[in-house]
N, C-alpha and C. Protein backbone atom coordinates (compact mmCIF):
# COMPACT_ATOMS: atom_id res chain seq x y z
N MET A 1 15.35 22.37 -5.93
CA MET A 1 15.75 21.28 -5.52
C MET A 1 15.26 21.11 -4.06
N PRO A 2 15.06 20.43 -3.61
CA PRO A 2 14.10 20.13 -1.94
C PRO A 2 15.19 20.26 -1.46
N VAL A 3 15.21 20.40 -0.23
CA VAL A 3 15.92 20.23 0.51
C VAL A 3 16.03 18.73 1.13
N PHE A 4 14.54 18.22 1.56
CA PHE A 4 14.34 16.73 1.75
C PHE A 4 13.75 16.42 1.01
N SER A 5 14.05 15.08 0.47
CA SER A 5 13.44 14.20 -0.84
C SER A 5 13.34 12.97 -0.14
N GLY A 6 12.47 12.17 -0.55
CA GLY A 6 11.97 10.51 -0.27
C GLY A 6 13.29 10.01 -1.32
N ALA A 7 13.01 8.61 -1.43
CA ALA A 7 13.35 8.13 -2.20
C ALA A 7 13.01 7.47 -3.66
N PHE A 8 12.04 8.62 -3.45
CA PHE A 8 11.02 8.86 -4.60
C PHE A 8 10.50 9.86 -5.60
N PRO A 9 11.95 10.77 -5.81
CA PRO A 9 11.50 12.51 -5.87
C PRO A 9 10.42 12.54 -7.49
N ALA A 10 10.15 11.37 -8.16
CA ALA A 10 9.42 11.98 -9.17
C ALA A 10 8.04 11.03 -8.78
N GLY A 11 7.91 10.26 -7.75
CA GLY A 11 6.69 10.12 -8.14
C GLY A 11 6.68 8.44 -8.59
N ALA A 12 5.61 8.57 -8.44
CA ALA A 12 4.77 6.69 -9.06
C ALA A 12 6.07 7.07 -10.94
N ASN A 13 6.50 8.23 -11.51
CA ASN A 13 7.11 7.96 -12.51
C ASN A 13 8.44 7.80 -12.33
N ASP A 14 8.94 7.59 -10.95
CA ASP A 14 10.32 6.67 -10.91
C ASP A 14 10.53 5.54 -11.52
N GLU A 15 9.17 4.68 -11.25
CA GLU A 15 9.59 3.41 -12.16
C GLU A 15 10.24 2.92 -13.26
N PHE A 16 9.99 4.48 -14.07
CA PHE A 16 10.45 4.40 -15.52
C PHE A 16 11.71 5.39 -15.70
N SER A 17 12.40 5.98 -14.48
CA SER A 17 13.32 6.33 -14.94
C SER A 17 14.87 6.39 -14.62
N GLY A 18 15.03 4.57 -14.92
CA GLY A 18 15.90 4.05 -15.33
C GLY A 18 17.24 4.21 -14.19
N ARG A 19 16.84 4.78 -13.13
CA ARG A 19 17.65 4.25 -12.02
C ARG A 19 17.39 2.94 -10.89
N GLY A 20 16.84 1.65 -11.61
CA GLY A 20 17.35 0.35 -11.00
C GLY A 20 15.85 0.41 -10.25
N VAL A 21 15.31 1.87 -9.72
CA VAL A 21 14.51 1.72 -8.21
C VAL A 21 13.12 1.33 -9.07
N ARG A 22 12.07 1.10 -8.20
CA ARG A 22 10.72 0.87 -8.40
C ARG A 22 9.91 1.09 -7.35
N PRO A 23 8.80 1.86 -7.01
CA PRO A 23 8.12 2.49 -6.71
C PRO A 23 7.00 1.73 -6.14
N VAL A 24 6.33 1.18 -5.09
CA VAL A 24 4.86 0.69 -4.59
C VAL A 24 3.89 2.25 -5.00
N VAL A 25 3.38 2.27 -5.46
CA VAL A 25 2.22 2.78 -5.97
C VAL A 25 0.72 2.45 -6.03
N PHE A 26 0.39 3.32 -4.88
CA PHE A 26 -0.97 3.35 -4.57
C PHE A 26 -2.05 4.53 -4.73
N ASP A 27 -3.16 3.70 -5.50
CA ASP A 27 -3.95 4.15 -6.50
C ASP A 27 -5.42 3.67 -6.35
N ILE A 28 -6.33 4.93 -6.78
CA ILE A 28 -7.28 4.57 -6.73
C ILE A 28 -8.33 4.22 -7.48
N VAL A 29 -9.18 3.33 -8.29
CA VAL A 29 -9.61 2.89 -9.21
C VAL A 29 -11.12 2.72 -8.82
N ASP A 30 -12.09 2.86 -9.89
CA ASP A 30 -13.58 2.88 -10.24
C ASP A 30 -14.22 1.73 -10.17
N PRO A 31 -15.59 1.13 -10.01
CA PRO A 31 -15.67 -0.23 -10.33
C PRO A 31 -15.10 -1.07 -11.54
N SER A 32 -14.88 -0.59 -12.42
CA SER A 32 -14.34 -0.70 -13.81
C SER A 32 -13.22 -0.89 -14.41
N GLY A 33 -12.27 -0.10 -13.02
CA GLY A 33 -10.95 -0.60 -12.96
C GLY A 33 -10.29 1.01 -13.40
N GLU A 34 -10.63 2.00 -14.08
CA GLU A 34 -10.30 3.23 -14.62
C GLU A 34 -9.88 3.91 -13.03
N THR A 35 -8.76 4.42 -13.48
CA THR A 35 -8.13 5.09 -12.25
C THR A 35 -9.15 6.40 -11.72
N ILE A 36 -9.34 7.01 -11.20
CA ILE A 36 -9.83 7.96 -10.50
C ILE A 36 -9.03 9.17 -10.33
N LEU A 37 -7.42 9.11 -9.41
CA LEU A 37 -6.72 10.22 -9.24
C LEU A 37 -6.36 10.52 -10.33
N PRO A 38 -5.36 11.80 -10.39
CA PRO A 38 -4.67 12.45 -11.13
C PRO A 38 -2.91 11.78 -11.01
N ASP A 39 -2.46 11.85 -12.22
CA ASP A 39 -1.04 10.86 -12.27
C ASP A 39 -0.40 11.69 -10.75
N ASP A 40 -0.22 13.12 -10.77
CA ASP A 40 0.25 13.60 -9.63
C ASP A 40 -0.01 13.36 -8.32
N LEU A 41 -1.43 12.47 -8.26
CA LEU A 41 -1.75 12.61 -6.82
C LEU A 41 -1.68 11.02 -6.30
N LYS A 42 -1.38 10.40 -7.39
CA LYS A 42 -1.06 8.58 -6.29
C LYS A 42 -0.30 8.53 -5.60
N LEU A 43 -0.56 7.93 -4.74
CA LEU A 43 0.30 7.91 -3.51
C LEU A 43 1.66 6.72 -3.51
N VAL A 44 2.68 7.37 -3.48
CA VAL A 44 4.04 7.05 -3.60
C VAL A 44 4.43 7.47 -1.71
N LEU A 45 4.89 6.21 -1.33
CA LEU A 45 5.80 6.43 0.04
C LEU A 45 6.81 7.21 -0.05
N LYS A 46 7.57 7.62 0.90
CA LYS A 46 8.77 8.07 1.05
C LYS A 46 9.72 7.28 0.85
N VAL A 47 9.51 5.79 1.23
CA VAL A 47 10.23 4.72 1.27
C VAL A 47 9.68 3.76 0.96
N ASN A 48 10.25 2.99 0.09
CA ASN A 48 9.65 1.59 -0.05
C ASN A 48 9.15 0.72 1.32
N PRO A 49 7.86 -0.34 1.19
CA PRO A 49 7.76 -1.06 1.99
C PRO A 49 8.92 -1.55 2.42
N GLU A 50 9.16 -2.10 4.37
CA GLU A 50 10.60 -2.91 4.29
C GLU A 50 9.91 -4.20 3.81
N SER A 51 8.90 -4.45 3.72
CA SER A 51 8.42 -6.35 3.35
C SER A 51 7.03 -5.57 2.74
N MET A 52 7.05 -6.97 1.76
CA MET A 52 5.30 -7.22 1.11
C MET A 52 5.27 -8.72 1.11
N GLU A 53 4.15 -9.41 1.91
CA GLU A 53 4.27 -10.25 1.83
C GLU A 53 3.03 -11.01 1.31
N MET A 54 3.02 -12.14 0.28
CA MET A 54 1.61 -12.02 -0.23
C MET A 54 1.24 -13.78 0.26
N SER A 55 0.14 -14.19 0.62
CA SER A 55 -0.79 -15.05 0.88
C SER A 55 -1.65 -15.89 -0.14
N TYR A 56 -1.21 -16.77 -0.34
CA TYR A 56 -2.39 -17.52 -1.44
C TYR A 56 -2.94 -18.93 -0.74
N SER A 57 -4.29 -18.94 -0.66
CA SER A 57 -4.84 -19.96 -0.29
C SER A 57 -5.74 -20.64 -1.26
N LYS A 58 -6.24 -21.84 -0.68
CA LYS A 58 -7.23 -22.89 -1.54
C LYS A 58 -8.68 -23.46 -0.85
N ASN A 59 -9.81 -23.18 -1.10
CA ASN A 59 -11.17 -23.32 -0.61
C ASN A 59 -11.08 -24.95 -0.80
N ILE A 60 -11.19 -25.21 0.50
CA ILE A 60 -11.03 -26.88 0.54
C ILE A 60 -12.12 -27.56 1.74
N THR A 61 -12.71 -28.14 1.40
CA THR A 61 -13.54 -28.60 2.57
C THR A 61 -13.63 -30.35 2.59
N ARG A 62 -12.60 -30.42 3.88
CA ARG A 62 -12.80 -31.92 3.93
C ARG A 62 -14.16 -32.64 4.88
N ILE A 63 -14.47 -34.02 4.09
CA ILE A 63 -15.83 -34.53 5.10
C ILE A 63 -15.28 -35.71 5.61
N GLN A 64 -15.39 -36.17 6.67
CA GLN A 64 -14.71 -37.24 7.49
C GLN A 64 -16.15 -38.16 7.12
N THR A 65 -15.62 -39.58 6.59
CA THR A 65 -16.91 -40.68 6.18
C THR A 65 -16.46 -41.94 6.76
N LYS A 66 -17.23 -43.19 6.70
CA LYS A 66 -16.59 -44.11 7.24
C LYS A 66 -15.38 -44.56 6.21
N GLY A 67 -15.63 -44.70 5.27
CA GLY A 67 -14.62 -45.00 4.71
C GLY A 67 -13.54 -44.30 4.41
N GLY A 68 -13.33 -43.48 5.15
CA GLY A 68 -11.85 -42.03 5.21
C GLY A 68 -12.30 -40.68 4.90
N PHE A 69 -11.96 -39.41 4.39
CA PHE A 69 -11.84 -38.35 4.24
C PHE A 69 -12.38 -38.29 2.88
N VAL A 70 -13.34 -37.35 2.19
CA VAL A 70 -13.50 -36.91 1.49
C VAL A 70 -12.96 -35.54 1.04
N GLU A 71 -12.51 -34.97 -0.01
CA GLU A 71 -12.11 -33.41 -0.22
C GLU A 71 -13.09 -33.29 -1.31
N GLN A 72 -13.35 -31.88 -0.86
CA GLN A 72 -14.52 -31.07 -2.12
C GLN A 72 -13.48 -29.62 -2.42
N HIS A 73 -13.25 -29.51 -3.41
CA HIS A 73 -12.23 -28.43 -4.05
C HIS A 73 -12.91 -26.99 -4.65
N TRP A 74 -13.16 -26.20 -4.01
CA TRP A 74 -13.74 -24.96 -4.48
C TRP A 74 -13.11 -23.80 -5.47
N GLY A 75 -11.95 -24.31 -5.64
CA GLY A 75 -10.70 -23.25 -6.23
C GLY A 75 -9.90 -22.27 -5.27
N GLU A 76 -9.84 -21.23 -5.82
CA GLU A 76 -8.46 -20.48 -5.19
C GLU A 76 -9.35 -19.40 -3.99
N GLY A 77 -8.83 -19.71 -2.77
CA GLY A 77 -9.47 -19.06 -1.76
C GLY A 77 -8.91 -17.07 -1.29
N THR A 78 -8.93 -16.72 -0.57
CA THR A 78 -9.02 -15.50 -0.29
C THR A 78 -7.61 -14.61 -0.58
N HIS A 79 -6.85 -14.07 -1.33
CA HIS A 79 -5.52 -13.51 -1.44
C HIS A 79 -5.32 -12.45 -0.52
N THR A 80 -4.10 -12.42 0.44
CA THR A 80 -4.22 -11.44 1.29
C THR A 80 -2.73 -11.26 0.76
N MET A 81 -1.96 -9.56 1.33
CA MET A 81 -1.13 -8.84 0.99
C MET A 81 -1.01 -8.36 2.53
N SER A 82 0.12 -8.37 3.09
CA SER A 82 0.47 -7.88 4.39
C SER A 82 1.55 -6.78 4.20
N PHE A 83 1.75 -5.57 4.49
CA PHE A 83 2.76 -4.73 4.70
C PHE A 83 3.20 -4.60 5.66
N THR A 84 4.97 -3.96 6.20
CA THR A 84 5.58 -3.64 6.82
C THR A 84 6.01 -2.61 5.86
N MET A 85 6.20 -1.41 7.01
CA MET A 85 6.58 0.04 6.53
C MET A 85 6.81 0.64 7.47
N ALA A 86 7.35 1.70 7.55
CA ALA A 86 8.06 2.71 8.11
C ALA A 86 8.27 3.98 7.90
N THR A 87 7.80 4.87 8.44
CA THR A 87 7.60 6.46 7.95
C THR A 87 8.29 7.40 7.34
N GLY A 88 10.23 6.92 8.05
CA GLY A 88 11.03 7.43 7.77
C GLY A 88 11.26 8.36 8.60
N GLY A 89 12.53 8.91 8.82
CA GLY A 89 12.76 9.56 10.06
C GLY A 89 11.88 11.42 9.79
N PHE A 90 11.49 11.44 11.20
CA PHE A 90 11.05 12.97 10.88
C PHE A 90 11.38 14.51 11.51
N MET A 91 11.90 14.75 10.11
CA MET A 91 13.30 15.31 9.93
C MET A 91 13.00 16.91 9.30
N ARG A 92 13.55 17.97 10.31
CA ARG A 92 12.82 19.29 9.90
C ARG A 92 14.12 20.02 9.62
N LEU A 93 14.06 21.03 8.79
CA LEU A 93 14.82 21.79 8.31
C LEU A 93 15.78 22.68 9.31
N TYR A 94 17.01 22.69 9.98
CA TYR A 94 17.75 23.58 10.87
C TYR A 94 17.63 22.99 12.41
N SER A 95 17.12 22.22 12.33
CA SER A 95 15.87 21.76 14.38
C SER A 95 16.68 20.17 13.69
N GLY A 96 16.40 19.80 12.72
CA GLY A 96 17.02 18.28 12.80
C GLY A 96 16.20 16.86 12.53
N LEU A 97 16.17 16.16 13.72
CA LEU A 97 15.53 15.02 13.61
C LEU A 97 14.30 16.06 14.97
N ALA A 98 12.87 15.62 14.52
CA ALA A 98 12.16 16.13 15.61
C ALA A 98 11.19 14.74 16.13
N ASN A 99 10.82 15.12 17.59
CA ASN A 99 10.06 13.91 17.89
C ASN A 99 9.10 15.12 19.10
N ASN A 100 9.26 16.26 19.01
CA ASN A 100 8.31 17.68 20.13
C ASN A 100 6.97 16.72 19.43
N THR A 101 6.40 16.69 20.48
CA THR A 101 4.64 16.73 19.80
C THR A 101 4.21 17.74 20.60
N SER A 102 4.82 19.31 21.53
CA SER A 102 4.06 20.09 21.77
C SER A 102 4.42 21.31 20.83
N PRO A 103 3.67 21.96 20.69
CA PRO A 103 3.73 23.26 19.74
C PRO A 103 4.07 24.05 20.22
N GLU A 104 4.36 24.62 21.75
CA GLU A 104 4.98 25.52 22.80
C GLU A 104 6.58 25.41 22.32
N LEU A 105 7.41 23.88 22.04
CA LEU A 105 8.39 24.26 22.43
C LEU A 105 9.04 24.51 20.59
N THR A 106 10.43 25.31 20.96
CA THR A 106 10.85 25.37 19.73
C THR A 106 11.07 24.78 18.58
N GLY A 107 11.47 25.29 17.71
CA GLY A 107 12.36 24.22 16.46
C GLY A 107 10.80 23.68 16.12
N GLY A 108 9.65 23.35 16.19
CA GLY A 108 8.34 22.83 15.57
C GLY A 108 8.26 21.42 15.67
N THR A 109 7.30 20.79 15.73
CA THR A 109 6.85 19.74 16.14
C THR A 109 7.14 18.42 14.75
N ARG A 110 6.97 17.21 15.09
CA ARG A 110 7.46 16.14 14.43
C ARG A 110 6.07 16.58 13.37
N ARG A 111 5.09 16.54 13.51
CA ARG A 111 3.84 16.73 12.83
C ARG A 111 4.28 17.91 11.29
N GLU A 112 4.91 18.32 11.44
CA GLU A 112 5.30 19.51 10.49
C GLU A 112 6.59 19.51 9.48
N THR A 113 6.54 17.92 9.78
CA THR A 113 7.90 16.99 8.56
C THR A 113 7.31 16.12 7.32
N LEU A 114 7.75 16.09 6.35
CA LEU A 114 7.49 15.01 5.44
C LEU A 114 7.42 13.69 5.50
N SER A 115 7.78 13.36 6.51
CA SER A 115 7.68 11.83 7.09
C SER A 115 6.19 12.01 7.62
N TYR A 116 5.89 12.81 8.43
CA TYR A 116 4.35 12.79 8.77
C TYR A 116 3.34 13.05 8.07
N GLU A 117 3.56 13.82 7.06
CA GLU A 117 2.56 13.87 5.76
C GLU A 117 2.06 12.37 5.15
N SER A 118 3.84 11.81 4.84
CA SER A 118 3.21 10.61 4.17
C SER A 118 2.56 9.64 4.91
N TYR A 119 2.61 9.88 6.16
CA TYR A 119 1.95 8.75 7.09
C TYR A 119 0.67 9.36 6.91
N LEU A 120 0.55 10.43 7.37
CA LEU A 120 -1.39 11.22 7.07
C LEU A 120 -1.89 10.39 6.27
N ASP A 121 -1.10 10.49 5.30
CA ASP A 121 -1.85 10.24 3.59
C ASP A 121 -1.81 8.57 3.39
N ILE A 122 -1.31 7.50 3.86
CA ILE A 122 -1.56 6.35 3.93
C ILE A 122 -2.46 5.53 4.83
N LEU A 123 -2.24 6.56 5.93
CA LEU A 123 -3.82 6.38 7.06
C LEU A 123 -5.21 7.02 6.64
N ALA A 124 -5.35 7.83 5.71
CA ALA A 124 -6.14 8.83 5.00
C ALA A 124 -6.74 7.68 4.10
N LEU A 125 -5.39 6.96 3.17
CA LEU A 125 -6.27 5.80 2.49
C LEU A 125 -7.00 4.73 2.95
N PHE A 126 -5.98 4.26 4.10
CA PHE A 126 -6.93 3.08 4.69
C PHE A 126 -8.35 3.69 4.75
N HIS A 127 -8.77 5.11 5.73
CA HIS A 127 -9.52 4.68 6.09
C HIS A 127 -10.73 5.15 5.21
N ASN A 128 -10.51 5.83 3.81
CA ASN A 128 -11.39 5.86 2.59
C ASN A 128 -11.43 4.71 1.92
N ASN A 129 -10.63 3.49 2.19
CA ASN A 129 -10.51 2.49 1.32
C ASN A 129 -11.36 2.05 0.27
N GLY A 130 -11.18 3.25 -0.96
CA GLY A 130 -11.51 3.20 -1.88
C GLY A 130 -12.78 4.11 -2.45
N SER A 131 -13.07 4.32 -1.24
CA SER A 131 -14.27 5.02 -1.63
C SER A 131 -14.26 6.63 -1.46
N VAL A 132 -14.99 7.44 -2.78
CA VAL A 132 -15.10 8.61 -3.00
C VAL A 132 -15.84 9.64 -2.36
N TYR A 133 -15.62 10.55 -1.46
CA TYR A 133 -16.94 11.26 -0.91
C TYR A 133 -17.12 12.55 -1.36
N SER A 134 -18.56 13.04 -1.54
CA SER A 134 -19.33 13.88 -1.88
C SER A 134 -18.74 15.05 -0.84
N THR A 135 -19.29 16.09 -1.20
CA THR A 135 -19.24 17.45 -0.31
C THR A 135 -19.58 17.34 0.82
N ASP A 136 -20.83 16.33 0.71
CA ASP A 136 -21.68 16.44 2.33
C ASP A 136 -21.33 15.51 2.96
N GLY A 137 -20.55 14.90 2.85
CA GLY A 137 -19.66 13.66 3.88
C GLY A 137 -20.44 12.45 3.57
N GLN A 138 -21.41 12.30 2.26
CA GLN A 138 -21.76 10.85 1.71
C GLN A 138 -20.51 10.48 0.55
N VAL A 139 -21.05 8.86 1.12
CA VAL A 139 -20.33 7.96 -0.19
C VAL A 139 -20.94 8.01 -1.89
N ALA A 140 -20.12 9.17 -2.22
CA ALA A 140 -20.62 8.71 -3.60
C ALA A 140 -20.50 7.62 -5.02
N LEU A 141 -18.84 7.41 -4.49
CA LEU A 141 -18.37 6.18 -5.35
C LEU A 141 -18.00 4.99 -4.16
N THR A 142 -17.94 3.86 -4.46
CA THR A 142 -17.29 3.14 -4.29
C THR A 142 -16.32 2.33 -5.12
N GLY A 143 -14.86 2.68 -5.07
CA GLY A 143 -13.94 1.47 -5.52
C GLY A 143 -13.18 0.98 -5.02
N LYS A 144 -11.79 0.67 -5.51
CA LYS A 144 -10.89 -0.18 -4.76
C LYS A 144 -9.66 0.48 -5.17
N ILE A 145 -8.95 -0.28 -3.94
CA ILE A 145 -7.43 0.60 -3.95
C ILE A 145 -6.61 -0.08 -5.01
N LYS A 146 -6.13 0.07 -5.80
CA LYS A 146 -4.77 -0.41 -6.54
C LYS A 146 -3.38 -0.71 -6.42
N VAL A 147 -2.84 -1.31 -5.96
CA VAL A 147 -1.41 -1.69 -5.57
C VAL A 147 -0.43 -1.89 -7.07
N SER A 148 0.28 -1.05 -7.20
CA SER A 148 1.45 -1.90 -8.56
C SER A 148 2.72 -1.58 -7.90
N PHE A 149 3.52 -2.60 -8.45
CA PHE A 149 4.65 -2.70 -8.07
C PHE A 149 5.37 -3.88 -8.57
N ASP A 150 6.55 -3.48 -9.63
CA ASP A 150 7.48 -4.53 -10.13
C ASP A 150 6.44 -5.03 -11.48
N GLY A 151 5.64 -4.66 -12.00
CA GLY A 151 5.22 -5.47 -12.80
C GLY A 151 3.68 -6.14 -12.53
N GLY A 152 3.45 -5.82 -11.12
CA GLY A 152 2.59 -6.88 -10.19
C GLY A 152 1.39 -6.05 -10.14
N VAL A 153 0.03 -6.21 -10.44
CA VAL A 153 -0.98 -5.51 -9.93
C VAL A 153 -2.17 -5.70 -8.68
N TYR A 154 -2.28 -5.21 -7.84
CA TYR A 154 -3.22 -5.88 -7.16
C TYR A 154 -4.54 -4.72 -6.65
N PHE A 155 -5.75 -5.31 -6.73
CA PHE A 155 -7.06 -4.65 -6.55
C PHE A 155 -7.49 -4.93 -5.17
N GLY A 156 -7.86 -4.44 -4.49
CA GLY A 156 -8.87 -4.81 -3.11
C GLY A 156 -8.95 -3.81 -2.42
N TRP A 157 -9.16 -4.20 -1.12
CA TRP A 157 -9.40 -3.40 -0.38
C TRP A 157 -8.33 -3.42 1.34
N PHE A 158 -8.09 -2.63 2.06
CA PHE A 158 -7.21 -2.40 3.71
C PHE A 158 -8.10 -3.28 4.26
N THR A 159 -7.65 -3.99 5.10
CA THR A 159 -8.30 -5.33 6.30
C THR A 159 -8.09 -4.41 7.76
N ASN A 160 -6.86 -4.14 7.87
CA ASN A 160 -6.35 -4.13 8.65
C ASN A 160 -4.95 -2.58 8.93
N PHE A 161 -5.23 -1.64 9.94
CA PHE A 161 -4.17 -0.93 9.53
C PHE A 161 -3.29 -0.76 11.11
N SER A 162 -2.08 -0.85 11.37
CA SER A 162 -1.74 -0.41 12.71
C SER A 162 -0.36 0.43 12.95
N VAL A 163 0.30 1.38 14.03
CA VAL A 163 0.68 1.87 13.98
C VAL A 163 1.25 1.88 15.39
N THR A 164 3.09 1.57 15.10
CA THR A 164 3.80 1.80 16.49
C THR A 164 4.62 2.69 16.32
N GLU A 165 4.34 3.18 17.82
CA GLU A 165 5.55 4.43 18.67
C GLU A 165 6.57 3.55 19.58
N SER A 166 7.54 3.79 19.24
CA SER A 166 8.61 2.94 20.36
C SER A 166 9.67 3.74 20.97
N THR A 167 9.91 3.55 21.98
CA THR A 167 11.54 4.39 22.15
C THR A 167 12.70 3.97 21.47
N ASP A 168 12.38 2.36 20.84
CA ASP A 168 13.84 2.08 20.41
C ASP A 168 14.00 2.84 19.22
N LYS A 169 12.81 3.72 19.07
CA LYS A 169 12.63 4.45 17.07
C LYS A 169 12.07 5.86 17.57
N PRO A 170 12.34 6.51 18.32
CA PRO A 170 11.94 8.05 18.52
C PRO A 170 11.85 8.71 17.54
N TYR A 171 12.27 9.13 16.88
CA TYR A 171 11.89 9.77 15.13
C TYR A 171 10.99 9.11 14.32
N GLN A 172 10.82 8.05 14.17
CA GLN A 172 9.66 7.50 13.40
C GLN A 172 8.87 6.20 13.79
N PHE A 173 7.66 6.21 13.19
CA PHE A 173 6.46 5.40 13.66
C PHE A 173 6.96 3.93 12.69
N SER A 174 6.46 2.89 13.26
CA SER A 174 6.32 1.51 12.39
C SER A 174 5.24 1.46 11.90
N LEU A 175 4.65 0.77 10.78
CA LEU A 175 3.47 1.16 10.29
C LEU A 175 3.45 -0.91 9.63
N SER A 176 2.41 -1.41 10.19
CA SER A 176 1.63 -2.30 9.21
C SER A 176 0.29 -2.59 8.95
N ALA A 177 0.10 -3.05 7.92
CA ALA A 177 -1.03 -2.97 7.57
C ALA A 177 -1.36 -4.75 6.12
N GLY A 178 -2.71 -4.64 6.60
CA GLY A 178 -3.11 -5.93 5.99
C GLY A 178 -3.99 -5.79 4.53
N PHE A 179 -4.16 -5.68 3.46
CA PHE A 179 -4.92 -5.99 2.28
C PHE A 179 -5.39 -7.07 1.75
N GLU A 180 -6.71 -6.97 1.58
CA GLU A 180 -7.44 -8.07 0.74
C GLU A 180 -7.62 -8.07 -0.69
N VAL A 181 -7.04 -9.28 -1.38
CA VAL A 181 -7.05 -8.84 -3.00
C VAL A 181 -8.10 -9.45 -3.74
N SER A 182 -8.45 -8.88 -4.11
CA SER A 182 -9.90 -9.01 -5.12
C SER A 182 -9.47 -9.23 -6.61
N GLU A 183 -8.43 -8.93 -6.73
CA GLU A 183 -8.34 -9.58 -8.06
C GLU A 183 -6.74 -9.07 -8.42
N GLU A 184 -6.19 -10.01 -9.06
CA GLU A 184 -4.45 -9.68 -9.30
C GLU A 184 -4.01 -10.14 -11.08
N VAL A 185 -3.30 -9.07 -11.29
CA VAL A 185 -2.94 -9.18 -12.68
C VAL A 185 -1.37 -9.23 -12.69
N GLN A 186 -0.56 -10.51 -13.46
CA GLN A 186 0.25 -10.46 -13.94
C GLN A 186 1.30 -10.58 -15.00
N VAL A 187 2.15 -10.39 -15.45
CA VAL A 187 2.70 -10.53 -16.80
C VAL A 187 4.12 -11.13 -16.50
N TRP A 188 3.57 -12.30 -17.22
CA TRP A 188 4.69 -13.79 -16.96
C TRP A 188 5.27 -13.64 -18.03
N ARG A 189 7.14 -14.02 -18.39
CA ARG A 189 7.34 -14.05 -19.25
C ARG A 189 8.41 -15.69 -19.33
N THR A 190 8.18 -16.09 -20.96
CA THR A 190 8.47 -17.17 -21.16
C THR A 190 9.84 -17.53 -21.44
N SER A 191 10.47 -18.72 -21.48
CA SER A 191 11.65 -18.87 -21.99
C SER A 191 11.87 -18.03 -23.58
N LEU A 192 10.98 -17.96 -24.04
CA LEU A 192 10.75 -17.54 -25.69
C LEU A 192 10.83 -15.74 -25.93
N ASP A 193 10.88 -15.36 -24.10
CA ASP A 193 10.17 -13.86 -24.24
C ASP A 193 9.39 -13.70 -24.53
N SER A 194 8.19 -14.65 -24.80
CA SER A 194 6.86 -13.87 -24.60
C SER A 194 6.48 -13.11 -23.75
N GLU A 195 5.31 -12.39 -23.89
CA GLU A 195 4.73 -12.25 -22.86
C GLU A 195 2.81 -12.93 -22.75
N SER A 196 2.48 -13.10 -21.40
CA SER A 196 0.86 -12.99 -21.49
C SER A 196 0.65 -12.74 -20.46
N THR A 197 -0.70 -12.47 -19.69
CA THR A 197 -1.02 -12.08 -18.42
C THR A 197 -1.96 -12.82 -17.99
N SER A 198 -2.01 -13.13 -16.45
CA SER A 198 -2.76 -13.79 -16.10
C SER A 198 -3.03 -13.16 -14.53
N PHE A 199 -5.10 -13.44 -14.95
CA PHE A 199 -5.65 -12.70 -14.25
C PHE A 199 -6.07 -13.85 -13.06
N LEU A 200 -6.22 -13.43 -12.13
CA LEU A 200 -6.56 -14.35 -11.11
C LEU A 200 -7.44 -13.22 -10.25
N GLY A 201 -8.84 -13.99 -10.52
CA GLY A 201 -9.81 -13.14 -9.79
C GLY A 201 -10.42 -13.99 -8.61
N ILE A 202 -11.00 -13.68 -7.48
CA ILE A 202 -11.88 -13.68 -6.62
C ILE A 202 -12.78 -14.07 -6.42
């Protein structure tokens, strides 16, 4: 049993643990939608994001004429998702919370904590953004990021990622990210408890 563990010690399988908690799972899929990563390599943050905000829009063109405005409706616009996250505390065994950045100091640095490793994982996911590289550094496959949470599945790519380090929270980073959704899959339940799946493509 590890001394330090995140909120989801079973990773992606915690969704089915029966503990009443659901992790946000990040995955990489190929162009056909098949997952590339093994189950034990899917990214689950140590703690869930503080917030996940979905934004929907319609493509509408308004043209002014002598008689008034004419609206042209072109269907769904770009769907976006924004995350507000935190790394969790930079906690080290025996020395406790760590905000040291110099390896010359005793007790180790914050880079040697589980929370910092989790931060590097999500940063690498943003940099690769669904692409798989060959051993010589060339893009071998351009896939998508798959985000799963509470029955909803979102496919797309990260558009931005920011890291905030402040004196108010010296033992963790505050993170935010933007995500453009190219396809959304939701499972809806009717009053008769029958299921139907809705695909929203862009």
